[in-house]
Amino acid sequence: MRPFGKLIPMELALRRILGAARPVERVERVPLGESLGRVSAETYHAPISVPRFARATWDGYAFRSASTREASRRRPTRFRVVGEVFADRGYTLRLGRAEAVAIAAGGRLPAGADTMAIFEELRRTGSDVLVPRFVRVGERIAATAADFRRGHVLVRRGDVLDPATVGSMGAAGRTMALVFARPRVAILPNGNELVLPGHPLRGDEIYETNNLTLGAIVRANGGIPRPRSPLRDDPRGIEAEVRRALARNDLVLLTGGSSVGEHDYAPEVLPRVGRVLFHGIAVRPGKPTIAAVSRGRLVIGMPGHPTSALSNSFWLLSPLLRRLGHLPGNGWVDGSCRLARAGDHPSHDLASVLPLRVVDGWGYPTYHGSHAVTGLRGVNAFIILAAGSRPLRRGQRVSVHLLPEPIAAPQRSNAARSRGSTLLRAHR
């Protein structure tokens, strides 16, 4: 048996991890249509103004505003319709004071016109159209550069590309986006008893699942998981694989072998690979966690128990992955709920991470052991309880960290299960 190093608080462990993390600086060009959610690696200025010309925003008629100054329902202004304008074809002549053109949404406003009215407001009589009110200059018109002018910043370096930003870049004629590359994350499970799913089990073998659960966390936080077949309990072999993975990836996750047992080799291997940041966090589950940094790249030894590894990923791994990938936030949003039932008793000397399924403002504790990954099924939030805190009571309001999709599956409310959507029923 090997002793743990000095257990450090969760906050200090996270601070050391994030302090050692170097965001990925590799960039790549991707088709604009595939760039949603990626992080821009450049500040992009619009090369043109949009719209390039004044255009209609509705279907109707375009004319001169001044000609309608005395218009009323009893004495509407009469315009002679002299042509049509479509989005792809304009009117080449200049409109006179008593002339109008039918214009489709998106059509270029013809010379001589400065406003328009929609079809529903007007009355057509033969070749004329009657306007029953004063129409101000610019009504239902998108002026030149009303959206953005040439030189306007459409996206800044570090911005996450959302649908509107992607659309505005396309409106400026862009077809590709320069984005930061996604972090490459090696996942190295360790243990003689581990077998990949799909292979037959023999003797005391069990299926390895951390590749799958941590891989899902990596993807959800913008990274590229690169799983490996389970490593044998051999310190030299483990060290060789960790070094190889560090050379080819931005982060290495070694699962299993991080505790103090006879075959737990991470505490022996990682000091040879790099500078150890800590070994042991004062938290349950997840206490046997070790981290080291080698030439600016992190390797984290995660607990082998699937629930411990996954629980650690909520508060430790998600913020790290987002830092590496230039993504904002830490992987959760703060909220609150009432407990539907009492939670486990907090530890006297360790902080506790309590997973919850929050539905309709009520939180249901789900944890039933670090060995049982199903204890986190349906979880969409977690609580961090300080060491020595009071036991949680049913009905108690607590602060929670709400997990985003797809880490957290969408939760249907109890009301929706029994009566259907309130919103849909209200509008039937």
Protein backbone atom coordinates (compact mmCIF):
# COMPACT_ATOMS: atom_id res chain seq x y z
CA MET A 1 0.00 0.00 0.00
CA ARG A 2 1.11 3.56 -0.76
CA PRO A 3 -0.10 6.55 1.27
CA PHE A 4 -2.01 9.39 -0.32
CA GLY A 5 -0.33 12.72 -0.57
CA LYS A 6 -1.91 15.53 1.41
CA LEU A 7 -5.59 15.70 0.47
CA ILE A 8 -6.38 19.10 -0.99
CA PRO A 9 -9.77 20.85 -1.16
CA MET A 10 -11.83 20.60 -4.34
CA GLU A 11 -11.44 24.32 -5.04
CA LEU A 12 -7.65 24.08 -4.88
CA ALA A 13 -7.57 20.99 -7.09
CA LEU A 14 -9.64 22.75 -9.75
CA ARG A 15 -7.54 25.90 -9.48
CA ARG A 16 -4.31 23.95 -9.97
CA ILE A 17 -5.74 22.05 -12.93
CA LEU A 18 -7.01 25.17 -14.68
CA GLY A 19 -3.83 27.06 -13.88
CA ALA A 20 -1.75 24.40 -15.62
CA ALA A 21 -4.06 24.06 -18.63
CA ARG A 22 -2.91 25.55 -21.92
CA PRO A 23 -5.75 26.24 -24.36
CA VAL A 24 -5.28 24.59 -27.74
CA GLU A 25 -3.83 27.07 -30.25
CA ARG A 26 -4.11 24.87 -33.35
CA VAL A 27 -6.58 26.26 -35.86
CA GLU A 28 -8.47 24.79 -38.79
CA ARG A 29 -10.86 25.91 -41.49
CA VAL A 30 -14.27 24.28 -41.56
CA PRO A 31 -17.26 24.84 -43.86
CA LEU A 32 -19.43 27.60 -42.46
CA GLY A 33 -22.41 25.25 -42.40
CA GLU A 34 -20.50 22.94 -40.05
CA SER A 35 -19.14 25.62 -37.72
CA LEU A 36 -22.03 25.92 -35.25
CA GLY A 37 -20.71 25.77 -31.68
CA ARG A 38 -17.08 26.09 -32.72
CA VAL A 39 -14.86 28.85 -31.35
CA SER A 40 -13.66 31.49 -33.78
CA ALA A 41 -9.89 31.78 -34.08
CA GLU A 42 -10.07 35.15 -35.81
CA THR A 43 -11.75 38.52 -35.69
CA TYR A 44 -13.65 38.88 -38.96
CA HIS A 45 -14.66 42.23 -40.48
CA ALA A 46 -17.45 42.42 -43.03
CA PRO A 47 -16.07 43.02 -46.56
CA ILE A 48 -19.42 44.44 -47.75
CA SER A 49 -22.43 46.23 -46.34
CA VAL A 50 -25.71 44.33 -45.88
CA PRO A 51 -28.12 45.20 -47.36
CA ARG A 52 -26.08 46.51 -50.26
CA PHE A 53 -29.11 48.60 -51.30
CA ALA A 54 -32.42 49.70 -49.80
CA ARG A 55 -34.97 46.90 -50.13
CA ALA A 56 -38.52 46.02 -49.19
CA THR A 57 -39.15 43.93 -46.09
CA TRP A 58 -42.75 43.08 -47.05
CA ASP A 59 -44.79 42.48 -50.19
CA GLY A 60 -46.62 45.63 -51.29
CA TYR A 61 -46.23 48.81 -53.32
CA ALA A 62 -43.37 51.31 -53.31
CA PHE A 63 -43.87 55.05 -53.92
CA ARG A 64 -42.98 58.53 -52.66
CA SER A 65 -43.95 59.34 -49.10
CA ALA A 66 -44.59 63.02 -49.85
CA SER A 67 -47.39 62.14 -52.25
CA THR A 68 -49.43 60.65 -49.38
CA ARG A 69 -49.23 63.68 -47.09
CA GLU A 70 -52.95 64.51 -47.54
CA ALA A 71 -54.13 60.91 -47.88
CA SER A 72 -57.11 59.67 -45.86
CA ARG A 73 -59.72 56.94 -46.09
CA ARG A 74 -62.19 59.39 -47.61
CA ARG A 75 -59.63 60.88 -50.00
CA PRO A 76 -56.89 58.30 -50.66
CA THR A 77 -53.88 59.11 -52.80
CA ARG A 78 -54.03 57.48 -56.21
CA PHE A 79 -50.86 56.04 -57.78
CA ARG A 80 -50.54 54.56 -61.24
CA VAL A 81 -48.84 51.15 -61.07
CA VAL A 82 -46.05 51.25 -63.67
CA GLY A 83 -44.17 48.02 -63.01
CA GLU A 84 -43.13 45.21 -60.69
CA VAL A 85 -40.04 44.54 -58.60
CA PHE A 86 -38.94 41.07 -57.52
CA ALA A 87 -36.07 40.00 -55.26
CA ASP A 88 -34.02 39.14 -58.35
CA ARG A 89 -35.24 41.83 -60.73
CA GLY A 90 -35.61 45.57 -60.15
CA TYR A 91 -37.33 48.52 -61.85
CA THR A 92 -34.85 50.47 -63.93
CA LEU A 93 -36.76 53.78 -64.35
CA ARG A 94 -37.21 56.56 -61.83
CA LEU A 95 -40.67 56.77 -60.26
CA GLY A 96 -42.68 59.93 -60.67
CA ARG A 97 -44.71 61.58 -57.91
CA ALA A 98 -47.91 59.75 -58.85
CA GLU A 99 -46.33 56.42 -59.77
CA ALA A 100 -45.92 53.17 -57.80
CA VAL A 101 -44.50 49.72 -58.38
CA ALA A 102 -45.59 46.40 -56.96
CA ILE A 103 -42.63 45.12 -54.94
CA ALA A 104 -41.83 41.76 -53.39
CA ALA A 105 -40.08 41.32 -50.06
CA GLY A 106 -36.34 41.61 -50.67
CA GLY A 107 -36.77 43.65 -53.84
CA ARG A 108 -34.57 46.70 -54.47
CA LEU A 109 -36.33 49.99 -53.80
CA PRO A 110 -36.51 51.80 -57.16
CA ALA A 111 -35.14 55.29 -57.70
CA GLY A 112 -37.68 57.94 -56.76
CA ALA A 113 -39.38 55.78 -54.09
CA ASP A 114 -38.63 56.19 -50.39
CA THR A 115 -41.34 54.14 -48.68
CA MET A 116 -43.90 51.38 -49.21
CA ALA A 117 -47.17 49.96 -47.90
CA ILE A 118 -48.29 46.34 -47.76
CA PHE A 119 -50.96 44.87 -50.03
CA GLU A 120 -53.45 44.46 -47.17
CA GLU A 121 -53.54 48.22 -46.49
CA LEU A 122 -54.29 49.27 -50.07
CA ARG A 123 -57.00 48.95 -52.69
CA ARG A 124 -56.23 48.15 -56.30
CA THR A 125 -58.51 49.56 -58.99
CA GLY A 126 -57.49 48.57 -62.47
CA SER A 127 -54.00 49.97 -63.15
CA ASP A 128 -54.12 52.21 -60.05
CA VAL A 129 -53.59 51.63 -56.35
CA LEU A 130 -55.21 53.72 -53.61
CA VAL A 131 -53.26 54.62 -50.44
CA PRO A 132 -55.63 55.63 -47.57
CA ARG A 133 -53.11 57.19 -45.14
CA PHE A 134 -49.90 59.13 -44.84
CA VAL A 135 -46.97 56.71 -45.17
CA ARG A 136 -43.79 57.96 -43.55
CA VAL A 137 -40.39 57.77 -45.24
CA GLY A 138 -38.72 54.38 -44.76
CA GLU A 139 -41.74 52.35 -43.65
CA ARG A 140 -41.14 48.63 -44.21
CA ILE A 141 -37.83 49.42 -45.89
CA ALA A 142 -34.42 47.98 -44.92
CA ALA A 143 -32.02 50.82 -45.63
CA THR A 144 -28.59 50.30 -47.14
CA ALA A 145 -26.27 48.82 -44.43
CA ALA A 146 -29.20 48.55 -42.00
CA ASP A 147 -27.90 45.15 -40.88
CA PHE A 148 -24.16 45.90 -40.89
CA ARG A 149 -21.70 48.14 -42.69
CA ARG A 150 -18.51 47.21 -44.45
CA GLY A 151 -15.78 46.87 -41.82
CA HIS A 152 -18.21 45.92 -39.06
CA VAL A 153 -16.92 43.17 -36.74
CA LEU A 154 -19.11 40.11 -37.37
CA VAL A 155 -17.22 37.77 -35.05
CA ARG A 156 -14.36 38.22 -32.61
CA ARG A 157 -11.60 35.79 -31.79
CA GLY A 158 -12.87 33.59 -28.97
CA ASP A 159 -16.57 33.96 -29.83
CA VAL A 160 -18.64 30.80 -30.01
CA LEU A 161 -20.33 30.63 -33.41
CA ASP A 162 -24.12 30.67 -33.00
CA PRO A 163 -26.75 30.46 -35.77
CA ALA A 164 -27.05 34.24 -36.21
CA THR A 165 -23.28 34.71 -36.40
CA VAL A 166 -22.96 31.91 -38.94
CA GLY A 167 -25.74 33.52 -40.96
CA SER A 168 -24.19 36.99 -40.83
CA MET A 169 -20.86 35.63 -42.03
CA GLY A 170 -22.67 33.91 -44.89
CA ALA A 171 -24.49 37.16 -45.72
CA ALA A 172 -21.05 38.75 -46.09
CA GLY A 173 -20.04 36.07 -48.58
CA ARG A 174 -17.95 33.86 -46.31
CA THR A 175 -17.94 30.10 -46.97
CA MET A 176 -15.40 28.88 -44.38
CA ALA A 177 -14.77 29.64 -40.72
CA LEU A 178 -11.36 29.74 -39.04
CA VAL A 179 -11.81 28.00 -35.69
CA PHE A 180 -9.73 26.57 -32.90
CA ALA A 181 -9.13 22.84 -33.19
CA ARG A 182 -10.97 20.67 -30.70
CA PRO A 183 -8.84 19.31 -27.85
CA ARG A 184 -7.67 15.74 -28.42
CA VAL A 185 -8.17 13.68 -25.27
CA ALA A 186 -6.61 10.26 -24.79
CA ILE A 187 -8.50 7.92 -22.45
CA LEU A 188 -6.36 5.11 -21.06
CA PRO A 189 -8.23 2.61 -18.85
CA ASN A 190 -6.01 0.55 -16.60
CA GLY A 191 -6.69 -2.84 -15.03
CA ASN A 192 -6.01 -6.54 -15.69
CA GLU A 193 -9.69 -7.32 -15.16
CA LEU A 194 -10.95 -4.95 -17.88
CA VAL A 195 -12.34 -6.08 -21.23
CA LEU A 196 -13.89 -3.91 -23.92
CA PRO A 197 -17.62 -4.41 -24.51
CA GLY A 198 -18.27 -6.85 -27.34
CA HIS A 199 -15.71 -9.39 -26.19
CA PRO A 200 -16.63 -12.49 -24.13
CA LEU A 201 -15.94 -12.38 -20.41
CA ARG A 202 -13.76 -14.98 -18.75
CA GLY A 203 -13.10 -15.62 -15.08
CA ASP A 204 -13.07 -12.39 -13.06
CA GLU A 205 -13.14 -10.04 -16.07
CA ILE A 206 -15.55 -7.11 -16.27
CA TYR A 207 -16.47 -4.73 -19.05
CA GLU A 208 -14.64 -1.40 -19.20
CA THR A 209 -17.04 1.59 -19.36
CA ASN A 210 -14.98 4.66 -18.47
CA ASN A 211 -13.97 4.92 -22.14
CA LEU A 212 -17.64 5.44 -22.93
CA THR A 213 -18.74 7.70 -20.10
CA LEU A 214 -15.69 9.96 -20.12
CA GLY A 215 -15.72 9.95 -23.91
CA ALA A 216 -19.26 11.31 -23.76
CA ILE A 217 -18.16 14.06 -21.35
CA VAL A 218 -15.28 14.96 -23.66
CA ARG A 219 -17.58 15.25 -26.69
CA ALA A 220 -20.18 17.26 -24.78
CA ASN A 221 -17.51 19.78 -23.82
CA GLY A 222 -16.14 20.23 -27.33
CA GLY A 223 -13.28 17.71 -27.29
CA ILE A 224 -12.35 14.67 -29.37
CA PRO A 225 -12.09 11.48 -27.27
CA ARG A 226 -9.37 9.04 -28.32
CA PRO A 227 -9.98 5.87 -26.28
CA ARG A 228 -7.54 2.99 -26.00
CA SER A 229 -7.92 -0.65 -25.09
CA PRO A 230 -7.36 -1.37 -21.38
CA LEU A 231 -3.74 -1.33 -20.17
CA ARG A 232 -2.31 -4.12 -18.10
CA ASP A 233 -1.15 -3.52 -14.52
CA ASP A 234 2.46 -2.97 -15.54
CA PRO A 235 4.15 0.31 -14.51
CA ARG A 236 6.59 0.30 -17.42
CA GLY A 237 3.85 -0.35 -19.94
CA ILE A 238 1.61 2.29 -18.37
CA GLU A 239 4.42 4.84 -18.40
CA ALA A 240 5.21 4.16 -22.06
CA GLU A 241 1.56 4.57 -23.06
CA VAL A 242 1.14 7.77 -21.04
CA ARG A 243 4.24 9.29 -22.65
CA ARG A 244 3.04 8.24 -26.09
CA ALA A 245 -0.40 9.71 -25.44
CA LEU A 246 1.04 13.00 -24.14
CA ALA A 247 3.01 13.40 -27.35
CA ARG A 248 -0.11 13.01 -29.50
CA ASN A 249 -2.89 14.58 -27.45
CA ASP A 250 -3.77 17.72 -25.52
CA LEU A 251 -4.95 15.88 -22.41
CA VAL A 252 -4.50 12.35 -21.08
CA LEU A 253 -7.01 10.65 -18.79
CA LEU A 254 -5.72 7.54 -17.04
CA THR A 255 -8.59 5.71 -15.35
CA GLY A 256 -7.99 3.21 -12.57
CA GLY A 257 -4.80 2.61 -10.66
CA SER A 258 -4.86 6.04 -8.99
CA SER A 259 -5.47 4.93 -5.42
CA VAL A 260 -3.03 3.42 -2.89
CA GLY A 261 -3.36 -0.32 -3.56
CA GLU A 262 -0.51 -2.64 -4.49
CA HIS A 263 -1.47 -2.56 -8.19
CA ASP A 264 -2.28 1.15 -8.30
CA TYR A 265 0.64 2.38 -10.41
CA ALA A 266 -0.43 5.91 -11.37
CA PRO A 267 1.18 7.42 -8.22
CA GLU A 268 4.42 5.67 -9.20
CA VAL A 269 4.31 6.50 -12.91
CA LEU A 270 3.12 10.11 -13.01
CA PRO A 271 6.03 11.61 -11.01
CA ARG A 272 8.36 10.14 -13.64
CA VAL A 273 6.29 11.61 -16.44
CA GLY A 274 5.88 15.16 -15.12
CA ARG A 275 5.36 17.41 -12.12
CA VAL A 276 2.63 16.16 -9.81
CA LEU A 277 0.05 18.82 -8.95
CA PHE A 278 -1.70 16.75 -6.28
CA HIS A 279 -2.56 13.19 -5.25
CA GLY A 280 -5.83 12.93 -3.42
CA ILE A 281 -8.78 15.33 -3.22
CA ALA A 282 -10.82 15.79 -0.06
CA VAL A 283 -14.04 14.73 -1.76
CA ARG A 284 -16.26 11.69 -2.07
CA PRO A 285 -16.63 10.11 -4.50
CA GLY A 286 -13.38 10.84 -6.34
CA LYS A 287 -10.83 11.00 -3.53
CA PRO A 288 -8.14 8.90 -5.35
CA THR A 289 -7.44 11.44 -8.11
CA ILE A 290 -3.92 12.39 -9.17
CA ALA A 291 -2.78 15.02 -11.67
CA ALA A 292 0.55 15.91 -13.24
CA VAL A 293 1.73 18.31 -15.93
CA SER A 294 4.37 17.47 -18.53
CA ARG A 295 5.60 20.15 -20.95
CA GLY A 296 2.37 22.07 -20.62
CA ARG A 297 0.12 19.05 -21.06
CA LEU A 298 -1.94 17.50 -18.29
CA VAL A 299 -2.37 13.88 -17.37
CA ILE A 300 -5.07 13.12 -14.82
CA GLY A 301 -5.36 9.81 -13.03
CA MET A 302 -9.08 9.29 -12.44
CA PRO A 303 -10.68 6.73 -10.13
CA GLY A 304 -11.53 3.43 -11.78
CA HIS A 305 -14.99 3.18 -10.20
CA PRO A 306 -17.31 4.41 -12.96
CA THR A 307 -19.46 6.65 -10.77
CA SER A 308 -16.41 8.24 -9.13
CA ALA A 309 -14.85 8.99 -12.50
CA LEU A 310 -18.07 10.38 -13.93
CA SER A 311 -18.84 12.42 -10.81
CA ASN A 312 -15.35 13.93 -10.97
CA SER A 313 -15.92 14.82 -14.59
CA PHE A 314 -18.88 17.07 -13.70
CA TRP A 315 -16.93 19.50 -11.55
CA LEU A 316 -13.28 18.88 -12.52
CA LEU A 317 -13.09 17.59 -16.08
CA SER A 318 -15.80 19.75 -17.71
CA PRO A 319 -14.20 23.09 -16.70
CA LEU A 320 -10.79 21.80 -17.83
CA LEU A 321 -12.06 20.68 -21.24
CA ARG A 322 -13.78 24.01 -21.79
CA ARG A 323 -10.59 25.86 -20.88
CA LEU A 324 -8.58 23.77 -23.34
CA GLY A 325 -11.13 24.37 -26.11
CA HIS A 326 -11.58 28.15 -25.52
CA LEU A 327 -15.22 27.57 -24.56
CA PRO A 328 -16.80 29.93 -22.02
CA GLY A 329 -18.23 28.81 -18.71
CA ASN A 330 -17.46 25.85 -16.52
CA GLY A 331 -19.99 23.30 -17.76
CA TRP A 332 -22.92 24.10 -15.49
CA VAL A 333 -25.29 26.88 -14.48
CA ASP A 334 -26.30 27.68 -10.93
CA GLY A 335 -29.85 27.18 -9.72
CA SER A 336 -31.85 25.83 -6.81
CA CYS A 337 -34.44 23.21 -5.99
CA ARG A 338 -36.21 21.57 -3.07
CA LEU A 339 -35.17 18.08 -2.04
CA ALA A 340 -37.83 15.45 -2.65
CA ARG A 341 -36.23 13.25 -0.02
CA ALA A 342 -33.38 13.41 2.44
CA GLY A 343 -29.87 12.94 1.06
CA ASP A 344 -26.98 10.94 2.43
CA HIS A 345 -25.29 12.17 5.58
CA PRO A 346 -22.34 14.43 4.71
CA SER A 347 -18.87 13.25 5.63
CA HIS A 348 -17.10 14.79 8.62
CA ASP A 349 -13.79 15.25 6.80
CA LEU A 350 -14.58 15.15 3.05
CA ALA A 351 -16.73 17.26 0.80
CA SER A 352 -19.48 15.31 -0.96
CA VAL A 353 -20.76 15.48 -4.52
CA LEU A 354 -24.44 14.55 -4.50
CA PRO A 355 -26.02 13.88 -7.92
CA LEU A 356 -29.64 14.87 -8.43
CA ARG A 357 -32.41 14.47 -10.93
CA VAL A 358 -34.29 17.77 -10.85
CA VAL A 359 -37.89 17.74 -12.11
CA ASP A 360 -40.45 20.53 -11.62
CA GLY A 361 -38.22 22.24 -9.07
CA TRP A 362 -37.76 19.09 -6.95
CA GLY A 363 -34.43 17.31 -6.62
CA TYR A 364 -34.23 13.53 -6.31
CA PRO A 365 -30.90 12.12 -5.01
CA THR A 366 -29.78 9.18 -7.17
CA TYR A 367 -26.40 8.06 -5.82
CA HIS A 368 -26.14 4.48 -4.54
CA GLY A 369 -22.43 3.68 -4.52
CA SER A 370 -19.29 4.55 -6.46
CA HIS A 371 -19.41 1.18 -8.22
CA ALA A 372 -22.87 1.73 -9.76
CA VAL A 373 -22.90 3.89 -12.89
CA THR A 374 -26.70 3.63 -12.99
CA GLY A 375 -26.66 5.84 -9.91
CA LEU A 376 -26.01 8.75 -12.29
CA ARG A 377 -28.61 7.79 -14.88
CA GLY A 378 -30.98 10.69 -15.53
CA VAL A 379 -28.89 13.08 -13.42
CA ASN A 380 -29.10 16.72 -14.51
CA ALA A 381 -27.65 18.49 -11.48
CA PHE A 382 -25.33 18.06 -8.53
CA ILE A 383 -24.75 19.56 -5.11
CA ILE A 384 -21.43 20.02 -3.38
CA LEU A 385 -21.73 19.57 0.37
CA ALA A 386 -18.97 20.92 2.56
CA ALA A 387 -17.28 18.56 5.00
CA GLY A 388 -19.09 18.46 8.32
CA SER A 389 -22.25 20.15 7.01
CA ARG A 390 -25.66 19.27 8.39
CA PRO A 391 -27.68 16.38 6.93
CA LEU A 392 -30.06 17.38 4.15
CA ARG A 393 -33.77 17.38 4.94
CA ARG A 394 -36.75 16.62 2.74
CA GLY A 395 -38.24 19.87 1.41
CA GLN A 396 -35.04 21.81 2.08
CA ARG A 397 -34.16 24.37 -0.63
CA VAL A 398 -30.60 23.89 -1.80
CA SER A 399 -28.30 25.52 -4.34
CA VAL A 400 -27.47 23.21 -7.24
CA HIS A 401 -25.25 23.13 -10.32
CA LEU A 402 -27.46 22.33 -13.32
CA LEU A 403 -25.83 20.29 -16.06
CA PRO A 404 -26.48 21.12 -19.73
CA GLU A 405 -27.60 18.83 -22.52
CA PRO A 406 -26.40 16.41 -23.75
CA ILE A 407 -24.66 15.53 -20.46
CA ALA A 408 -28.05 15.85 -18.80
CA ALA A 409 -30.94 14.25 -20.64
CA PRO A 410 -34.01 16.50 -21.03
CA GLN A 411 -36.44 15.93 -18.18
CA ARG A 412 -40.16 15.75 -18.84
CA SER A 413 -42.11 17.32 -16.02
CA ASN A 414 -44.57 15.27 -14.01
CA ALA A 415 -47.33 17.54 -15.27
CA ALA A 416 -46.32 16.87 -18.87
CA ARG A 417 -46.33 13.13 -18.24
CA SER A 418 -49.85 13.19 -16.86
CA ARG A 419 -51.60 15.98 -18.79
CA GLY A 420 -49.44 16.82 -21.82
CA SER A 421 -47.78 20.15 -22.51
CA THR A 422 -49.39 23.12 -20.76
CA LEU A 423 -48.18 25.44 -23.50
CA LEU A 424 -49.75 23.33 -26.25
CA ARG A 425 -53.02 22.94 -24.37
CA ALA A 426 -53.24 26.68 -23.78
CA HIS A 427 -53.01 27.41 -27.51
CA ARG A 428 -55.32 24.75 -28.91
